[in-house]
């Protein structure tokens, strides 16, 4: 069984550092993008920047959000 979650974070660099160093996930060497993922066994967390993100609501159409509160 696999698990994949998409998380919208304020800082991708700090999030990758936390998941890599504290929870021992495998992450990218450099994080200069607005999206990346970390993996541990069958678990993958997609990390996207929170300031600008695309949200899919239950009707399955995209909504652009400038800043989530």
PDB file of N, CA and C in Angstrom:
ATOM      1  N   UNK A   1       0.837  -1.167   0.000  1.00  0.00           N
ATOM      2  CA  UNK A   1       0.000   0.000   0.000  1.00  0.00           C
ATOM      3  C   UNK A   1       0.891   1.243   0.000  1.00  0.00           C
ATOM      4  N   UNK A   2       0.494   2.242  -0.770  1.00  0.00           N
ATOM      5  CA  UNK A   2       1.231   3.499  -0.861  1.00  0.00           C
ATOM      6  C   UNK A   2       0.391   4.633  -0.303  1.00  0.00           C
ATOM      7  N   UNK A   3       1.067   5.660   0.192  1.00  0.00           N
ATOM      8  CA  UNK A   3       0.398   6.861   0.680  1.00  0.00           C
ATOM      9  C   UNK A   3       1.089   8.061   0.063  1.00  0.00           C
ATOM     10  N   UNK A   4       0.296   8.966  -0.519  1.00  0.00           N
ATOM     11  CA  UNK A   4       0.835  10.207  -1.064  1.00  0.00           C
ATOM     12  C   UNK A   4      -0.032  11.351  -0.572  1.00  0.00           C
ATOM     13  N   UNK A   5       0.603  12.361   0.012  1.00  0.00           N
ATOM     14  CA  UNK A   5      -0.084  13.549   0.496  1.00  0.00           C
ATOM     15  C   UNK A   5       0.553  14.777  -0.133  1.00  0.00           C
ATOM     16  N   UNK A   6      -0.260  15.765  -0.420  1.00  0.00           N
ATOM     17  CA  UNK A   6       0.230  17.044  -0.923  1.00  0.00           C
ATOM     18  C   UNK A   6       0.114  18.056   0.209  1.00  0.00           C
ATOM     19  N   UNK A   7       1.228  18.641   0.606  1.00  0.00           N
ATOM     20  CA  UNK A   7       1.264  19.612   1.694  1.00  0.00           C
ATOM     21  C   UNK A   7       1.700  20.963   1.147  1.00  0.00           C
ATOM     22  N   UNK A   8       1.016  22.023   1.561  1.00  0.00           N
ATOM     23  CA  UNK A   8       1.372  23.372   1.148  1.00  0.00           C
ATOM     24  C   UNK A   8       2.029  24.063   2.334  1.00  0.00           C
ATOM     25  N   UNK A   9       3.291  24.403   2.179  1.00  0.00           N
ATOM     26  CA  UNK A   9       4.127  24.868   3.289  1.00  0.00           C
ATOM     27  C   UNK A   9       4.648  26.275   3.021  1.00  0.00           C
ATOM     28  N   UNK A  10       5.029  26.968   4.091  1.00  0.00           N
ATOM     29  CA  UNK A  10       5.583  28.312   3.937  1.00  0.00           C
ATOM     30  C   UNK A  10       7.005  28.284   3.397  1.00  0.00           C
ATOM     31  N   UNK A  11       7.778  27.296   3.792  1.00  0.00           N
ATOM     32  CA  UNK A  11       9.172  27.206   3.349  1.00  0.00           C
ATOM     33  C   UNK A  11       9.483  25.777   2.925  1.00  0.00           C
ATOM     34  N   UNK A  12       9.718  25.592   1.647  1.00  0.00           N
ATOM     35  CA  UNK A  12      10.069  24.263   1.155  1.00  0.00           C
ATOM     36  C   UNK A  12      11.414  23.832   1.731  1.00  0.00           C
ATOM     37  N   UNK A  13      12.371  24.753   1.802  1.00  0.00           N
ATOM     38  CA  UNK A  13      13.697  24.411   2.319  1.00  0.00           C
ATOM     39  C   UNK A  13      13.622  23.901   3.758  1.00  0.00           C
ATOM     40  N   UNK A  14      12.891  24.610   4.623  1.00  0.00           N
ATOM     41  CA  UNK A  14      12.767  24.192   6.022  1.00  0.00           C
ATOM     42  C   UNK A  14      11.997  22.884   6.143  1.00  0.00           C
ATOM     43  N   UNK A  15      10.987  22.697   5.312  1.00  0.00           N
ATOM     44  CA  UNK A  15      10.201  21.464   5.353  1.00  0.00           C
ATOM     45  C   UNK A  15      11.031  20.265   4.917  1.00  0.00           C
ATOM     46  N   UNK A  16      11.798  20.423   3.836  1.00  0.00           N
ATOM     47  CA  UNK A  16      12.666  19.332   3.377  1.00  0.00           C
ATOM     48  C   UNK A  16      13.702  19.019   4.455  1.00  0.00           C
ATOM     49  N   UNK A  17      14.258  20.043   5.074  1.00  0.00           N
ATOM     50  CA  UNK A  17      15.233  19.835   6.147  1.00  0.00           C
ATOM     51  C   UNK A  17      14.607  19.044   7.301  1.00  0.00           C
ATOM     52  N   UNK A  18      13.391  19.405   7.698  1.00  0.00           N
ATOM     53  CA  UNK A  18      12.708  18.696   8.787  1.00  0.00           C
ATOM     54  C   UNK A  18      12.431  17.242   8.421  1.00  0.00           C
ATOM     55  N   UNK A  19      11.810  17.016   7.266  1.00  0.00           N
ATOM     56  CA  UNK A  19      11.459  15.648   6.883  1.00  0.00           C
ATOM     57  C   UNK A  19      12.704  14.789   6.652  1.00  0.00           C
ATOM     58  N   UNK A  20      13.770  15.391   6.160  1.00  0.00           N
ATOM     59  CA  UNK A  20      15.007  14.640   5.912  1.00  0.00           C
ATOM     60  C   UNK A  20      15.779  14.362   7.200  1.00  0.00           C
ATOM     61  N   UNK A  21      16.009  15.398   7.997  1.00  0.00           N
ATOM     62  CA  UNK A  21      16.873  15.265   9.176  1.00  0.00           C
ATOM     63  C   UNK A  21      16.170  14.671  10.390  1.00  0.00           C
ATOM     64  N   UNK A  22      14.908  15.021  10.598  1.00  0.00           N
ATOM     65  CA  UNK A  22      14.196  14.562  11.793  1.00  0.00           C
ATOM     66  C   UNK A  22      13.470  13.249  11.538  1.00  0.00           C
ATOM     67  N   UNK A  23      12.725  13.171  10.431  1.00  0.00           N
ATOM     68  CA  UNK A  23      11.915  11.984  10.154  1.00  0.00           C
ATOM     69  C   UNK A  23      12.578  11.008   9.185  1.00  0.00           C
ATOM     70  N   UNK A  24      13.776  11.343   8.722  1.00  0.00           N
ATOM     71  CA  UNK A  24      14.587  10.474   7.866  1.00  0.00           C
ATOM     72  C   UNK A  24      13.940  10.121   6.524  1.00  0.00           C
ATOM     73  N   UNK A  25      13.275  11.094   5.913  1.00  0.00           N
ATOM     74  CA  UNK A  25      12.768  10.935   4.553  1.00  0.00           C
ATOM     75  C   UNK A  25      13.904  11.224   3.587  1.00  0.00           C
ATOM     76  N   UNK A  26      13.822  10.662   2.386  1.00  0.00           N
ATOM     77  CA  UNK A  26      14.770  10.982   1.321  1.00  0.00           C
ATOM     78  C   UNK A  26      14.243  12.195   0.577  1.00  0.00           C
ATOM     79  N   UNK A  27      15.080  13.216   0.469  1.00  0.00           N
ATOM     80  CA  UNK A  27      14.671  14.429  -0.221  1.00  0.00           C
ATOM     81  C   UNK A  27      15.700  14.840  -1.241  1.00  0.00           C
ATOM     82  N   UNK A  28      15.404  15.891  -1.997  1.00  0.00           N
ATOM     83  CA  UNK A  28      16.350  16.374  -3.006  1.00  0.00           C
ATOM     84  C   UNK A  28      17.563  17.032  -2.347  1.00  0.00           C
ATOM     85  N   UNK A  29      18.664  17.062  -3.067  1.00  0.00           N
ATOM     86  CA  UNK A  29      19.886  17.707  -2.563  1.00  0.00           C
ATOM     87  C   UNK A  29      19.705  19.223  -2.473  1.00  0.00           C
ATOM     88  N   UNK A  30      19.073  19.805  -3.496  1.00  0.00           N
ATOM     89  CA  UNK A  30      18.820  21.245  -3.530  1.00  0.00           C
ATOM     90  C   UNK A  30      17.328  21.473  -3.707  1.00  0.00           C
ATOM     91  N   UNK A  31      16.818  22.532  -3.076  1.00  0.00           N
ATOM     92  CA  UNK A  31      15.390  22.836  -3.184  1.00  0.00           C
ATOM     93  C   UNK A  31      15.204  24.287  -3.606  1.00  0.00           C
ATOM     94  N   UNK A  32      15.279  24.523  -4.902  1.00  0.00           N
ATOM     95  CA  UNK A  32      15.100  25.873  -5.425  1.00  0.00           C
ATOM     96  C   UNK A  32      13.765  26.028  -6.149  1.00  0.00           C
ATOM     97  N   UNK A  33      13.003  24.976  -6.221  1.00  0.00           N
ATOM     98  CA  UNK A  33      11.733  24.998  -6.944  1.00  0.00           C
ATOM     99  C   UNK A  33      10.593  25.385  -6.001  1.00  0.00           C
ATOM    100  N   UNK A  34       9.415  25.594  -6.566  1.00  0.00           N
ATOM    101  CA  UNK A  34       8.233  25.877  -5.757  1.00  0.00           C
ATOM    102  C   UNK A  34       7.480  24.599  -5.423  1.00  0.00           C
ATOM    103  N   UNK A  35       8.007  23.445  -5.871  1.00  0.00           N
ATOM    104  CA  UNK A  35       7.406  22.148  -5.556  1.00  0.00           C
ATOM    105  C   UNK A  35       8.493  21.082  -5.551  1.00  0.00           C
ATOM    106  N   UNK A  36       8.426  20.198  -4.583  1.00  0.00           N
ATOM    107  CA  UNK A  36       9.327  19.048  -4.534  1.00  0.00           C
ATOM    108  C   UNK A  36       8.645  17.950  -3.733  1.00  0.00           C
ATOM    109  N   UNK A  37       9.270  16.812  -3.634  1.00  0.00           N
ATOM    110  CA  UNK A  37       8.687  15.741  -2.830  1.00  0.00           C
ATOM    111  C   UNK A  37       9.767  15.061  -2.003  1.00  0.00           C
ATOM    112  N   UNK A  38       9.329  14.466  -0.896  1.00  0.00           N
ATOM    113  CA  UNK A  38      10.203  13.666  -0.042  1.00  0.00           C
ATOM    114  C   UNK A  38       9.572  12.288   0.088  1.00  0.00           C
ATOM    115  N   UNK A  39      10.417  11.264   0.260  1.00  0.00           N
ATOM    116  CA  UNK A  39       9.922   9.882   0.251  1.00  0.00           C
ATOM    117  C   UNK A  39      10.585   9.080   1.364  1.00  0.00           C
ATOM    118  N   UNK A  40       9.773   8.209   1.968  1.00  0.00           N
ATOM    119  CA  UNK A  40      10.286   7.222   2.923  1.00  0.00           C
ATOM    120  C   UNK A  40       9.458   5.963   2.743  1.00  0.00           C
ATOM    121  N   UNK A  41      10.114   4.914   2.268  1.00  0.00           N
ATOM    122  CA  UNK A  41       9.432   3.648   1.979  1.00  0.00           C
ATOM    123  C   UNK A  41       8.273   3.903   1.009  1.00  0.00           C
ATOM    124  N   UNK A  42       7.044   3.594   1.397  1.00  0.00           N
ATOM    125  CA  UNK A  42       5.882   3.763   0.511  1.00  0.00           C
ATOM    126  C   UNK A  42       5.111   5.047   0.778  1.00  0.00           C
ATOM    127  N   UNK A  43       5.739   6.003   1.458  1.00  0.00           N
ATOM    128  CA  UNK A  43       5.089   7.272   1.784  1.00  0.00           C
ATOM    129  C   UNK A  43       5.789   8.395   1.024  1.00  0.00           C
ATOM    130  N   UNK A  44       4.999   9.203   0.323  1.00  0.00           N
ATOM    131  CA  UNK A  44       5.528  10.355  -0.414  1.00  0.00           C
ATOM    132  C   UNK A  44       4.744  11.589   0.005  1.00  0.00           C
ATOM    133  N   UNK A  45       5.463  12.634   0.399  1.00  0.00           N
ATOM    134  CA  UNK A  45       4.854  13.926   0.680  1.00  0.00           C
ATOM    135  C   UNK A  45       5.264  14.880  -0.435  1.00  0.00           C
ATOM    136  N   UNK A  46       4.293  15.409  -1.163  1.00  0.00           N
ATOM    137  CA  UNK A  46       4.546  16.468  -2.120  1.00  0.00           C
ATOM    138  C   UNK A  46       4.504  17.785  -1.372  1.00  0.00           C
ATOM    139  N   UNK A  47       5.525  18.605  -1.533  1.00  0.00           N
ATOM    140  CA  UNK A  47       5.615  19.879  -0.827  1.00  0.00           C
ATOM    141  C   UNK A  47       5.525  21.020  -1.828  1.00  0.00           C
ATOM    142  N   UNK A  48       4.501  21.840  -1.698  1.00  0.00           N
ATOM    143  CA  UNK A  48       4.324  22.993  -2.570  1.00  0.00           C
ATOM    144  C   UNK A  48       4.344  24.269  -1.762  1.00  0.00           C
ATOM    145  N   UNK A  49       4.808  25.356  -2.376  1.00  0.00           N
ATOM    146  CA  UNK A  49       4.816  26.638  -1.675  1.00  0.00           C
ATOM    147  C   UNK A  49       3.401  27.105  -1.432  1.00  0.00           C
ATOM    148  N   UNK A  50       3.184  27.640  -0.241  1.00  0.00           N
ATOM    149  CA  UNK A  50       1.848  28.012   0.195  1.00  0.00           C
ATOM    150  C   UNK A  50       1.364  29.337  -0.384  1.00  0.00           C
ATOM    151  N   UNK A  51       2.227  30.239  -0.778  1.00  0.00           N
ATOM    152  CA  UNK A  51       1.799  31.560  -1.239  1.00  0.00           C
ATOM    153  C   UNK A  51       0.952  31.494  -2.496  1.00  0.00           C
ATOM    154  N   UNK A  52       1.372  30.709  -3.457  1.00  0.00           N
ATOM    155  CA  UNK A  52       0.605  30.557  -4.690  1.00  0.00           C
ATOM    156  C   UNK A  52       0.398  29.073  -4.912  1.00  0.00           C
ATOM    157  N   UNK A  53      -0.846  28.650  -4.865  1.00  0.00           N
ATOM    158  CA  UNK A  53      -1.107  27.232  -5.051  1.00  0.00           C
ATOM    159  C   UNK A  53      -2.418  27.042  -5.798  1.00  0.00           C
ATOM    160  N   UNK A  54      -2.576  25.885  -6.347  1.00  0.00           N
ATOM    161  CA  UNK A  54      -3.756  25.514  -7.103  1.00  0.00           C
ATOM    162  C   UNK A  54      -4.539  24.524  -6.258  1.00  0.00           C
ATOM    163  N   UNK A  55      -5.785  24.866  -5.945  1.00  0.00           N
ATOM    164  CA  UNK A  55      -6.596  24.014  -5.081  1.00  0.00           C
ATOM    165  C   UNK A  55      -7.709  23.395  -5.910  1.00  0.00           C
ATOM    166  N   UNK A  56      -7.896  22.101  -5.749  1.00  0.00           N
ATOM    167  CA  UNK A  56      -9.001  21.409  -6.388  1.00  0.00           C
ATOM    168  C   UNK A  56     -10.069  21.149  -5.337  1.00  0.00           C
ATOM    169  N   UNK A  57     -11.254  21.683  -5.575  1.00  0.00           N
ATOM    170  CA  UNK A  57     -12.338  21.423  -4.638  1.00  0.00           C
ATOM    171  C   UNK A  57     -13.137  20.235  -5.134  1.00  0.00           C
ATOM    172  N   UNK A  58     -14.160  19.844  -4.407  1.00  0.00           N
ATOM    173  CA  UNK A  58     -14.855  18.596  -4.707  1.00  0.00           C
ATOM    174  C   UNK A  58     -15.483  18.562  -6.095  1.00  0.00           C
ATOM    175  N   UNK A  59     -15.678  19.703  -6.734  1.00  0.00           N
ATOM    176  CA  UNK A  59     -16.238  19.719  -8.085  1.00  0.00           C
ATOM    177  C   UNK A  59     -15.170  19.497  -9.145  1.00  0.00           C
ATOM    178  N   UNK A  60     -13.929  19.383  -8.740  1.00  0.00           N
ATOM    179  CA  UNK A  60     -12.802  19.052  -9.616  1.00  0.00           C
ATOM    180  C   UNK A  60     -12.420  20.159 -10.598  1.00  0.00           C
ATOM    181  N   UNK A  61     -12.629  21.412 -10.223  1.00  0.00           N
ATOM    182  CA  UNK A  61     -12.091  22.472 -11.069  1.00  0.00           C
ATOM    183  C   UNK A  61     -11.109  23.298 -10.240  1.00  0.00           C
ATOM    184  N   UNK A  62     -10.074  23.815 -10.890  1.00  0.00           N
ATOM    185  CA  UNK A  62      -9.014  24.502 -10.150  1.00  0.00           C
ATOM    186  C   UNK A  62      -9.416  25.905  -9.713  1.00  0.00           C
ATOM    187  N   UNK A  63      -8.912  26.303  -8.558  1.00  0.00           N
ATOM    188  CA  UNK A  63      -9.112  27.643  -8.031  1.00  0.00           C
ATOM    189  C   UNK A  63      -7.741  28.170  -7.630  1.00  0.00           C
ATOM    190  N   UNK A  64      -7.361  29.331  -8.162  1.00  0.00           N
ATOM    191  CA  UNK A  64      -6.069  29.907  -7.797  1.00  0.00           C
ATOM    192  C   UNK A  64      -6.216  30.702  -6.507  1.00  0.00           C
ATOM    193  N   UNK A  65      -5.254  30.541  -5.614  1.00  0.00           N
ATOM    194  CA  UNK A  65      -5.260  31.239  -4.339  1.00  0.00           C
ATOM    195  C   UNK A  65      -3.918  31.936  -4.197  1.00  0.00           C
ATOM    196  N   UNK A  66      -3.949  33.243  -3.917  1.00  0.00           N
ATOM    197  CA  UNK A  66      -2.697  33.981  -3.756  1.00  0.00           C
ATOM    198  C   UNK A  66      -2.040  33.716  -2.416  1.00  0.00           C
ATOM    199  N   UNK A  67      -2.819  33.631  -1.361  1.00  0.00           N
ATOM    200  CA  UNK A  67      -2.258  33.415  -0.023  1.00  0.00           C
ATOM    201  C   UNK A  67      -3.291  32.687   0.811  1.00  0.00           C
ATOM    202  N   UNK A  68      -2.911  31.545   1.356  1.00  0.00           N
ATOM    203  CA  UNK A  68      -3.799  30.820   2.256  1.00  0.00           C
ATOM    204  C   UNK A  68      -3.621  31.362   3.660  1.00  0.00           C
ATOM    205  N   UNK A  69      -4.675  31.419   4.389  1.00  0.00           N
ATOM    206  CA  UNK A  69      -4.615  31.940   5.756  1.00  0.00           C
ATOM    207  C   UNK A  69      -4.516  30.803   6.734  1.00  0.00           C
TER     208      UNK A  69
END
